[in-house]
Amino acid sequence: MNNSTIGAAVSMSSLQQRLDIIADNIANVNTNGYKSKEGSFEDVLTRVQQQSDDYALTGRSMPLGFNMGFGVRVPTISNNWEEGTLKETGSPTDLALQGNGLFGVQVNGATAYTRQGNFHFTPDTTNPENMVLVDNTGNPVLNTDRTPITVPVGMSVAIDETGQVLMKRNENDPAVVAGSIMIVEPSSRASLQAVDGNFYVLADGVTEQQAFVQRAAGEASAVGVRSGWLEQSNVDLSKEMTEMMQIQRTYQLAARALTSSDQMQGLANNLRG
């Protein structure tokens, strides 16, 4: 297999991976709180191919040898954490975060984090007298003590700008705090890993103390909560479509290079035969 075949094949694989990222972004253009993914290209390997001394002619200013590459790859996939626009819904359990924050939810018995705040109350299967706050797929929203947030059936509920869940049975009753929604502030985005369902989990080997800002008791958070609003996806559809067309054309060019390389190898084999 010659260098042109290797370079074209490696490049096509990386370009297909980049197309998959774009397709994922476009599919989530209407997913609340979704952060678009980005991939960057880099050379797989570049080396200098030395030339014979016969090319060292009088008057030559360039050194002998030329750079030879072996295609490109996508080394890392990162998220664009720019905040999406807010859309008003009027529902008191629809929440949007302003600032560097994530909600804590319970997914398959473990803690996961998300910006998607379209929550609602549903009957508590363990206690029919209570309602539990869940996300759009039924995962319990966690309290600051890492337990699901519950309120008695028939209560009116509101959520303030700090994430406190306030409840009262009658309009003239004083509001009672039912709990505080778990909101964390990542200190480094590299400490989080995106998983299915628009969730994030801690990267391998990272502890919560390393991943999140540790605030003292009573210290104000830099994250605000807006009740009755939802954060929209930050995917720029026009940008994604433009990039998709560029990547597709590059992929076609790499495919032609691979075909040409295969044809040249076939001609060389026929000449040798």
C-alpha atoms as a PDB file:
ATOM      1  CA  MET A   1       0.000   0.000   0.000  1.00  0.00           C
ATOM      2  CA  ASN A   2       1.571   3.315  -1.078  1.00  0.00           C
ATOM      3  CA  ASN A   3       1.540   6.648   0.720  1.00  0.00           C
ATOM      4  CA  SER A   4      -1.306   8.137  -1.331  1.00  0.00           C
ATOM      5  CA  THR A   5      -3.558   5.186  -0.492  1.00  0.00           C
ATOM      6  CA  ILE A   6      -2.777   5.454   3.219  1.00  0.00           C
ATOM      7  CA  GLY A   7      -3.316   9.223   3.290  1.00  0.00           C
ATOM      8  CA  ALA A   8      -6.632   9.043   1.429  1.00  0.00           C
ATOM      9  CA  ALA A   9      -7.965   6.165   3.545  1.00  0.00           C
ATOM     10  CA  VAL A  10      -7.023   7.817   6.851  1.00  0.00           C
ATOM     11  CA  SER A  11      -8.487  11.148   5.759  1.00  0.00           C
ATOM     12  CA  MET A  12     -11.778   9.556   4.674  1.00  0.00           C
ATOM     13  CA  SER A  13     -12.135   7.883   8.059  1.00  0.00           C
ATOM     14  CA  SER A  14     -11.571  11.187   9.881  1.00  0.00           C
ATOM     15  CA  LEU A  15     -13.914  13.081   7.576  1.00  0.00           C
ATOM     16  CA  GLN A  16     -16.631  10.494   8.214  1.00  0.00           C
ATOM     17  CA  GLN A  17     -16.140  11.018  11.948  1.00  0.00           C
ATOM     18  CA  ARG A  18     -16.507  14.780  11.472  1.00  0.00           C
ATOM     19  CA  LEU A  19     -19.711  14.226   9.462  1.00  0.00           C
ATOM     20  CA  ASP A  20     -21.051  12.117  12.327  1.00  0.00           C
ATOM     21  CA  ILE A  21     -20.423  15.011  14.737  1.00  0.00           C
ATOM     22  CA  ILE A  22     -22.258  17.434  12.449  1.00  0.00           C
ATOM     23  CA  ALA A  23     -25.164  15.002  12.061  1.00  0.00           C
ATOM     24  CA  ASP A  24     -25.404  14.693  15.853  1.00  0.00           C
ATOM     25  CA  ASN A  25     -25.529  18.489  16.198  1.00  0.00           C
ATOM     26  CA  ILE A  26     -28.227  18.858  13.543  1.00  0.00           C
ATOM     27  CA  ALA A  27     -30.301  16.079  15.139  1.00  0.00           C
ATOM     28  CA  ASN A  28     -30.223  17.980  18.461  1.00  0.00           C
ATOM     29  CA  VAL A  29     -30.961  21.451  17.125  1.00  0.00           C
ATOM     30  CA  ASN A  30     -34.263  21.430  19.076  1.00  0.00           C
ATOM     31  CA  THR A  31     -32.969  19.669  22.215  1.00  0.00           C
ATOM     32  CA  ASN A  32     -33.191  21.945  25.249  1.00  0.00           C
ATOM     33  CA  GLY A  33     -29.836  22.701  26.870  1.00  0.00           C
ATOM     34  CA  TYR A  34     -27.847  20.828  24.212  1.00  0.00           C
ATOM     35  CA  LYS A  35     -24.249  21.977  23.680  1.00  0.00           C
ATOM     36  CA  SER A  36     -22.912  21.532  20.167  1.00  0.00           C
ATOM     37  CA  LYS A  37     -19.904  19.294  19.602  1.00  0.00           C
ATOM     38  CA  GLU A  38     -16.806  20.370  17.762  1.00  0.00           C
ATOM     39  CA  GLY A  39     -13.903  18.421  16.289  1.00  0.00           C
ATOM     40  CA  SER A  40     -10.536  19.635  15.058  1.00  0.00           C
ATOM     41  CA  PHE A  41      -8.212  18.144  12.458  1.00  0.00           C
ATOM     42  CA  GLU A  42      -4.488  17.497  12.750  1.00  0.00           C
ATOM     43  CA  ASP A  43      -1.885  15.687  10.664  1.00  0.00           C
ATOM     44  CA  VAL A  44      -1.554  12.008  11.498  1.00  0.00           C
ATOM     45  CA  LEU A  45       2.155  11.926  10.676  1.00  0.00           C
ATOM     46  CA  THR A  46       4.484  14.024   8.571  1.00  0.00           C
ATOM     47  CA  ARG A  47       8.018  13.083   7.628  1.00  0.00           C
ATOM     48  CA  VAL A  48      10.680  14.403   5.269  1.00  0.00           C
ATOM     49  CA  GLN A  49      11.370  12.219   2.240  1.00  0.00           C
ATOM     50  CA  GLN A  50      15.066  12.595   1.428  1.00  0.00           C
ATOM     51  CA  GLN A  51      16.087  13.074  -2.201  1.00  0.00           C
ATOM     52  CA  SER A  52      19.119  11.835  -4.048  1.00  0.00           C
ATOM     53  CA  ASP A  53      22.232  14.005  -4.265  1.00  0.00           C
ATOM     54  CA  ASP A  54      21.539  14.165  -8.001  1.00  0.00           C
ATOM     55  CA  TYR A  55      18.970  16.861  -7.186  1.00  0.00           C
ATOM     56  CA  ALA A  56      21.583  19.080  -5.535  1.00  0.00           C
ATOM     57  CA  LEU A  57      22.064  21.182  -8.666  1.00  0.00           C
ATOM     58  CA  THR A  58      23.964  24.440  -8.848  1.00  0.00           C
ATOM     59  CA  GLY A  59      21.784  27.359  -7.871  1.00  0.00           C
ATOM     60  CA  ARG A  60      19.270  25.288  -5.910  1.00  0.00           C
ATOM     61  CA  SER A  61      18.144  27.261  -2.846  1.00  0.00           C
ATOM     62  CA  MET A  62      15.826  24.683  -1.307  1.00  0.00           C
ATOM     63  CA  PRO A  63      17.227  21.856   0.849  1.00  0.00           C
ATOM     64  CA  LEU A  64      16.996  18.308  -0.402  1.00  0.00           C
ATOM     65  CA  GLY A  65      13.864  16.447   0.663  1.00  0.00           C
ATOM     66  CA  PHE A  66      10.148  17.153   0.756  1.00  0.00           C
ATOM     67  CA  ASN A  67       7.410  16.775   3.343  1.00  0.00           C
ATOM     68  CA  MET A  68       5.236  13.679   3.080  1.00  0.00           C
ATOM     69  CA  GLY A  69       1.981  13.387   5.005  1.00  0.00           C
ATOM     70  CA  PHE A  70      -0.294  10.461   5.782  1.00  0.00           C
ATOM     71  CA  GLY A  71      -3.683  12.143   6.090  1.00  0.00           C
ATOM     72  CA  VAL A  72      -5.496  13.847   8.950  1.00  0.00           C
ATOM     73  CA  ARG A  73      -7.419  12.710  12.012  1.00  0.00           C
ATOM     74  CA  VAL A  74      -9.827  14.114  14.612  1.00  0.00           C
ATOM     75  CA  PRO A  75      -7.803  14.014  17.868  1.00  0.00           C
ATOM     76  CA  THR A  76     -10.434  15.385  20.237  1.00  0.00           C
ATOM     77  CA  ILE A  77     -14.150  16.111  20.342  1.00  0.00           C
ATOM     78  CA  SER A  78     -15.124  19.027  22.572  1.00  0.00           C
ATOM     79  CA  ASN A  79     -18.330  20.845  23.460  1.00  0.00           C
ATOM     80  CA  ASN A  80     -19.148  24.456  22.764  1.00  0.00           C
ATOM     81  CA  TRP A  81     -20.365  25.695  26.170  1.00  0.00           C
ATOM     82  CA  GLU A  82     -21.765  28.981  24.930  1.00  0.00           C
ATOM     83  CA  GLU A  83     -25.191  29.594  26.478  1.00  0.00           C
ATOM     84  CA  GLY A  84     -28.206  29.085  24.234  1.00  0.00           C
ATOM     85  CA  THR A  85     -31.079  31.526  23.927  1.00  0.00           C
ATOM     86  CA  LEU A  86     -33.886  31.378  26.502  1.00  0.00           C
ATOM     87  CA  LYS A  87     -37.481  30.591  25.599  1.00  0.00           C
ATOM     88  CA  GLU A  88     -40.344  31.465  27.926  1.00  0.00           C
ATOM     89  CA  THR A  89     -42.756  28.603  28.666  1.00  0.00           C
ATOM     90  CA  GLY A  90     -44.719  29.862  31.675  1.00  0.00           C
ATOM     91  CA  SER A  91     -44.409  26.509  33.482  1.00  0.00           C
ATOM     92  CA  PRO A  92     -42.934  26.997  36.993  1.00  0.00           C
ATOM     93  CA  THR A  93     -41.004  23.718  36.777  1.00  0.00           C
ATOM     94  CA  ASP A  94     -39.280  24.626  33.504  1.00  0.00           C
ATOM     95  CA  LEU A  95     -35.871  25.924  34.552  1.00  0.00           C
ATOM     96  CA  ALA A  96     -33.007  27.616  32.734  1.00  0.00           C
ATOM     97  CA  LEU A  97     -29.547  28.173  34.177  1.00  0.00           C
ATOM     98  CA  GLN A  98     -27.705  31.428  33.692  1.00  0.00           C
ATOM     99  CA  GLY A  99     -24.003  31.071  34.205  1.00  0.00           C
ATOM    100  CA  ASN A 100     -21.623  28.152  34.502  1.00  0.00           C
ATOM    101  CA  GLY A 101     -23.892  25.545  36.059  1.00  0.00           C
ATOM    102  CA  LEU A 102     -25.439  22.084  35.686  1.00  0.00           C
ATOM    103  CA  PHE A 103     -28.429  20.376  37.297  1.00  0.00           C
ATOM    104  CA  GLY A 104     -27.863  17.134  39.172  1.00  0.00           C
ATOM    105  CA  VAL A 105     -30.159  14.223  38.260  1.00  0.00           C
ATOM    106  CA  GLN A 106     -30.245  10.534  39.104  1.00  0.00           C
ATOM    107  CA  VAL A 107     -29.696   8.305  36.073  1.00  0.00           C
ATOM    108  CA  ASN A 108     -29.616   4.532  36.572  1.00  0.00           C
ATOM    109  CA  GLY A 109     -28.769   4.975  40.243  1.00  0.00           C
ATOM    110  CA  ALA A 110     -25.819   7.298  39.613  1.00  0.00           C
ATOM    111  CA  THR A 111     -25.482  11.083  39.531  1.00  0.00           C
ATOM    112  CA  ALA A 112     -25.383  12.767  36.124  1.00  0.00           C
ATOM    113  CA  TYR A 113     -25.414  16.424  35.148  1.00  0.00           C
ATOM    114  CA  THR A 114     -27.352  18.360  32.531  1.00  0.00           C
ATOM    115  CA  ARG A 115     -28.390  21.823  31.329  1.00  0.00           C
ATOM    116  CA  GLN A 116     -31.758  20.496  30.175  1.00  0.00           C
ATOM    117  CA  GLY A 117     -34.295  21.875  32.642  1.00  0.00           C
ATOM    118  CA  ASN A 118     -37.732  20.833  31.395  1.00  0.00           C
ATOM    119  CA  PHE A 119     -38.815  19.251  34.696  1.00  0.00           C
ATOM    120  CA  HIS A 120     -42.234  18.230  36.004  1.00  0.00           C
ATOM    121  CA  PHE A 121     -43.826  16.466  38.978  1.00  0.00           C
ATOM    122  CA  THR A 122     -45.035  12.900  38.715  1.00  0.00           C
ATOM    123  CA  PRO A 123     -46.528  10.478  41.304  1.00  0.00           C
ATOM    124  CA  ASP A 124     -43.962   8.954  43.642  1.00  0.00           C
ATOM    125  CA  THR A 125     -44.017   5.175  43.145  1.00  0.00           C
ATOM    126  CA  THR A 126     -42.674   4.614  46.659  1.00  0.00           C
ATOM    127  CA  ASN A 127     -45.216   6.883  48.382  1.00  0.00           C
ATOM    128  CA  PRO A 128     -48.599   7.661  46.765  1.00  0.00           C
ATOM    129  CA  GLU A 129     -49.013  10.734  48.990  1.00  0.00           C
ATOM    130  CA  ASN A 130     -46.024  12.451  47.382  1.00  0.00           C
ATOM    131  CA  MET A 131     -45.031  13.818  43.998  1.00  0.00           C
ATOM    132  CA  VAL A 132     -41.426  13.648  42.780  1.00  0.00           C
ATOM    133  CA  LEU A 133     -39.653  16.133  40.507  1.00  0.00           C
ATOM    134  CA  VAL A 134     -38.298  14.427  37.374  1.00  0.00           C
ATOM    135  CA  ASP A 135     -36.776  15.404  34.038  1.00  0.00           C
ATOM    136  CA  ASN A 136     -38.343  14.831  30.615  1.00  0.00           C
ATOM    137  CA  THR A 137     -37.319  11.155  30.615  1.00  0.00           C
ATOM    138  CA  GLY A 138     -38.434  10.387  34.167  1.00  0.00           C
ATOM    139  CA  ASN A 139     -35.072  10.646  35.954  1.00  0.00           C
ATOM    140  CA  PRO A 140     -35.410  12.122  39.485  1.00  0.00           C
ATOM    141  CA  VAL A 141     -34.016  15.617  39.985  1.00  0.00           C
ATOM    142  CA  LEU A 142     -31.682  15.593  42.975  1.00  0.00           C
ATOM    143  CA  ASN A 143     -31.766  17.684  46.109  1.00  0.00           C
ATOM    144  CA  THR A 144     -28.528  19.132  47.501  1.00  0.00           C
ATOM    145  CA  ASP A 145     -28.391  16.077  49.793  1.00  0.00           C
ATOM    146  CA  ARG A 146     -28.526  13.819  46.674  1.00  0.00           C
ATOM    147  CA  THR A 147     -32.050  12.552  47.314  1.00  0.00           C
ATOM    148  CA  PRO A 148     -35.010  13.037  44.936  1.00  0.00           C
ATOM    149  CA  ILE A 149     -37.063  16.181  45.522  1.00  0.00           C
ATOM    150  CA  THR A 150     -40.594  15.338  46.681  1.00  0.00           C
ATOM    151  CA  VAL A 151     -43.642  17.385  47.731  1.00  0.00           C
ATOM    152  CA  PRO A 152     -47.020  16.260  49.099  1.00  0.00           C
ATOM    153  CA  VAL A 153     -49.853  15.816  46.632  1.00  0.00           C
ATOM    154  CA  GLY A 154     -52.010  18.932  46.206  1.00  0.00           C
ATOM    155  CA  MET A 155     -49.258  21.469  46.931  1.00  0.00           C
ATOM    156  CA  SER A 156     -48.643  24.539  44.806  1.00  0.00           C
ATOM    157  CA  VAL A 157     -44.968  24.762  43.899  1.00  0.00           C
ATOM    158  CA  ALA A 158     -42.624  27.568  42.846  1.00  0.00           C
ATOM    159  CA  ILE A 159     -38.851  27.616  42.336  1.00  0.00           C
ATOM    160  CA  ASP A 160     -36.794  30.704  43.126  1.00  0.00           C
ATOM    161  CA  GLU A 161     -33.615  32.056  41.530  1.00  0.00           C
ATOM    162  CA  THR A 162     -31.365  30.028  43.836  1.00  0.00           C
ATOM    163  CA  GLY A 163     -33.059  26.707  43.017  1.00  0.00           C
ATOM    164  CA  GLN A 164     -35.088  26.431  46.220  1.00  0.00           C
ATOM    165  CA  VAL A 165     -38.372  24.535  45.779  1.00  0.00           C
ATOM    166  CA  LEU A 166     -41.104  26.423  47.649  1.00  0.00           C
ATOM    167  CA  MET A 167     -44.514  24.877  48.367  1.00  0.00           C
ATOM    168  CA  LYS A 168     -47.801  25.841  49.980  1.00  0.00           C
ATOM    169  CA  ARG A 169     -51.240  24.277  50.059  1.00  0.00           C
ATOM    170  CA  ASN A 170     -53.385  27.425  50.107  1.00  0.00           C
ATOM    171  CA  GLU A 171     -52.754  30.790  48.540  1.00  0.00           C
ATOM    172  CA  ASN A 172     -52.576  32.607  51.868  1.00  0.00           C
ATOM    173  CA  ASP A 173     -50.315  30.050  53.537  1.00  0.00           C
ATOM    174  CA  PRO A 174     -46.635  30.904  54.048  1.00  0.00           C
ATOM    175  CA  ALA A 175     -44.260  29.201  51.609  1.00  0.00           C
ATOM    176  CA  VAL A 176     -42.305  26.240  52.954  1.00  0.00           C
ATOM    177  CA  VAL A 177     -38.966  25.084  51.512  1.00  0.00           C
ATOM    178  CA  ALA A 178     -39.302  21.533  50.176  1.00  0.00           C
ATOM    179  CA  GLY A 179     -35.671  21.330  49.116  1.00  0.00           C
ATOM    180  CA  SER A 180     -32.981  22.906  46.962  1.00  0.00           C
ATOM    181  CA  ILE A 181     -32.160  21.607  43.507  1.00  0.00           C
ATOM    182  CA  MET A 182     -28.617  20.317  43.179  1.00  0.00           C
ATOM    183  CA  ILE A 183     -26.681  22.772  40.990  1.00  0.00           C
ATOM    184  CA  VAL A 184     -22.940  22.356  40.436  1.00  0.00           C
ATOM    185  CA  GLU A 185     -20.401  24.720  38.907  1.00  0.00           C
ATOM    186  CA  PRO A 186     -17.738  22.931  36.815  1.00  0.00           C
ATOM    187  CA  SER A 187     -14.253  24.261  37.466  1.00  0.00           C
ATOM    188  CA  SER A 188     -12.960  22.586  34.288  1.00  0.00           C
ATOM    189  CA  ARG A 189     -14.990  21.329  31.349  1.00  0.00           C
ATOM    190  CA  ALA A 190     -12.286  18.762  30.670  1.00  0.00           C
ATOM    191  CA  SER A 191     -13.321  16.981  33.874  1.00  0.00           C
ATOM    192  CA  LEU A 192     -16.717  16.113  32.388  1.00  0.00           C
ATOM    193  CA  GLN A 193     -17.560  13.557  29.741  1.00  0.00           C
ATOM    194  CA  ALA A 194     -20.654  13.750  27.532  1.00  0.00           C
ATOM    195  CA  VAL A 195     -22.861  10.636  27.465  1.00  0.00           C
ATOM    196  CA  ASP A 196     -26.146   9.691  25.804  1.00  0.00           C
ATOM    197  CA  GLY A 197     -29.300  11.542  26.780  1.00  0.00           C
ATOM    198  CA  ASN A 198     -27.757  15.036  26.888  1.00  0.00           C
ATOM    199  CA  PHE A 199     -26.024  14.192  30.190  1.00  0.00           C
ATOM    200  CA  TYR A 200     -22.496  14.617  31.510  1.00  0.00           C
ATOM    201  CA  VAL A 201     -20.608  12.436  33.968  1.00  0.00           C
ATOM    202  CA  LEU A 202     -17.232  12.749  35.642  1.00  0.00           C
ATOM    203  CA  ALA A 203     -14.309  11.773  33.450  1.00  0.00           C
ATOM    204  CA  ASP A 204     -12.262   8.747  34.491  1.00  0.00           C
ATOM    205  CA  GLY A 205     -10.111   9.412  37.532  1.00  0.00           C
ATOM    206  CA  VAL A 206     -11.740  12.792  38.319  1.00  0.00           C
ATOM    207  CA  THR A 207     -13.378  13.430  41.692  1.00  0.00           C
ATOM    208  CA  GLU A 208     -16.189  15.868  42.403  1.00  0.00           C
ATOM    209  CA  GLN A 209     -13.819  17.998  44.472  1.00  0.00           C
ATOM    210  CA  GLN A 210     -11.616  18.358  41.394  1.00  0.00           C
ATOM    211  CA  ALA A 211     -14.457  18.816  38.901  1.00  0.00           C
ATOM    212  CA  PHE A 212     -16.627  21.389  40.659  1.00  0.00           C
ATOM    213  CA  VAL A 213     -16.172  24.719  42.403  1.00  0.00           C
ATOM    214  CA  GLN A 214     -16.255  24.146  46.163  1.00  0.00           C
ATOM    215  CA  ARG A 215     -18.136  26.913  47.953  1.00  0.00           C
ATOM    216  CA  ALA A 216     -18.331  27.480  51.679  1.00  0.00           C
ATOM    217  CA  ALA A 217     -21.654  27.165  53.499  1.00  0.00           C
ATOM    218  CA  GLY A 218     -23.727  30.271  52.860  1.00  0.00           C
ATOM    219  CA  GLU A 219     -21.480  31.483  50.031  1.00  0.00           C
ATOM    220  CA  ALA A 220     -23.496  32.817  47.098  1.00  0.00           C
ATOM    221  CA  SER A 221     -23.430  30.846  43.855  1.00  0.00           C
ATOM    222  CA  ALA A 222     -22.484  32.439  40.547  1.00  0.00           C
ATOM    223  CA  VAL A 223     -25.321  30.528  38.835  1.00  0.00           C
ATOM    224  CA  GLY A 224     -28.869  31.855  38.582  1.00  0.00           C
ATOM    225  CA  VAL A 225     -32.088  29.931  37.974  1.00  0.00           C
ATOM    226  CA  ARG A 226     -34.940  31.275  35.850  1.00  0.00           C
ATOM    227  CA  SER A 227     -38.272  29.587  36.437  1.00  0.00           C
ATOM    228  CA  GLY A 228     -40.683  29.432  33.497  1.00  0.00           C
ATOM    229  CA  TRP A 229     -37.904  29.485  30.899  1.00  0.00           C
ATOM    230  CA  LEU A 230     -35.915  26.876  28.992  1.00  0.00           C
ATOM    231  CA  GLU A 231     -32.455  27.176  27.476  1.00  0.00           C
ATOM    232  CA  GLN A 232     -32.470  26.272  23.797  1.00  0.00           C
ATOM    233  CA  SER A 233     -29.788  24.353  21.936  1.00  0.00           C
ATOM    234  CA  ASN A 234     -26.773  26.469  20.960  1.00  0.00           C
ATOM    235  CA  VAL A 235     -26.413  24.692  17.589  1.00  0.00           C
ATOM    236  CA  ASP A 236     -26.040  27.148  14.700  1.00  0.00           C
ATOM    237  CA  LEU A 237     -27.908  25.297  11.960  1.00  0.00           C
ATOM    238  CA  SER A 238     -26.640  27.460   9.086  1.00  0.00           C
ATOM    239  CA  LYS A 239     -23.036  26.985  10.236  1.00  0.00           C
ATOM    240  CA  GLU A 240     -23.487  23.213  10.546  1.00  0.00           C
ATOM    241  CA  MET A 241     -25.044  22.927   7.071  1.00  0.00           C
ATOM    242  CA  THR A 242     -22.242  24.987   5.514  1.00  0.00           C
ATOM    243  CA  GLU A 243     -19.572  22.898   7.208  1.00  0.00           C
ATOM    244  CA  MET A 244     -21.337  19.689   6.208  1.00  0.00           C
ATOM    245  CA  MET A 245     -21.180  20.653   2.521  1.00  0.00           C
ATOM    246  CA  GLN A 246     -17.483  21.512   2.834  1.00  0.00           C
ATOM    247  CA  ILE A 247     -16.697  18.212   4.533  1.00  0.00           C
ATOM    248  CA  GLN A 248     -18.707  16.273   1.943  1.00  0.00           C
ATOM    249  CA  ARG A 249     -16.735  17.860  -0.899  1.00  0.00           C
ATOM    250  CA  THR A 250     -13.453  17.116   0.852  1.00  0.00           C
ATOM    251  CA  TYR A 251     -14.598  13.529   1.368  1.00  0.00           C
ATOM    252  CA  GLN A 252     -15.368  13.223  -2.362  1.00  0.00           C
ATOM    253  CA  LEU A 253     -11.885  14.554  -3.169  1.00  0.00           C
ATOM    254  CA  ALA A 254     -10.264  12.018  -0.822  1.00  0.00           C
ATOM    255  CA  ALA A 255     -12.352   9.238  -2.395  1.00  0.00           C
ATOM    256  CA  ARG A 256     -11.130  10.242  -5.872  1.00  0.00           C
ATOM    257  CA  ALA A 257      -7.540  10.237  -4.608  1.00  0.00           C
ATOM    258  CA  LEU A 258      -8.050   6.729  -3.244  1.00  0.00           C
ATOM    259  CA  THR A 259      -9.529   5.578  -6.560  1.00  0.00           C
ATOM    260  CA  SER A 260      -6.661   7.130  -8.540  1.00  0.00           C
ATOM    261  CA  SER A 261      -4.109   5.483  -6.255  1.00  0.00           C
ATOM    262  CA  ASP A 262      -5.790   2.113  -6.740  1.00  0.00           C
ATOM    263  CA  GLN A 263      -5.778   2.570 -10.513  1.00  0.00           C
ATOM    264  CA  MET A 264      -2.080   3.483 -10.523  1.00  0.00           C
ATOM    265  CA  GLN A 265      -1.246   0.388  -8.498  1.00  0.00           C
ATOM    266  CA  GLY A 266      -3.231  -1.716 -10.961  1.00  0.00           C
ATOM    267  CA  LEU A 267      -1.320  -0.236 -13.904  1.00  0.00           C
ATOM    268  CA  ALA A 268       1.981  -0.877 -12.148  1.00  0.00           C
ATOM    269  CA  ASN A 269       1.050  -4.499 -11.464  1.00  0.00           C
ATOM    270  CA  ASN A 270       0.081  -5.016 -15.118  1.00  0.00           C
ATOM    271  CA  LEU A 271       3.393  -3.560 -16.307  1.00  0.00           C
ATOM    272  CA  ARG A 272       5.311  -5.882 -14.019  1.00  0.00           C
ATOM    273  CA  GLY A 273       3.287  -8.858 -15.269  1.00  0.00           C
END
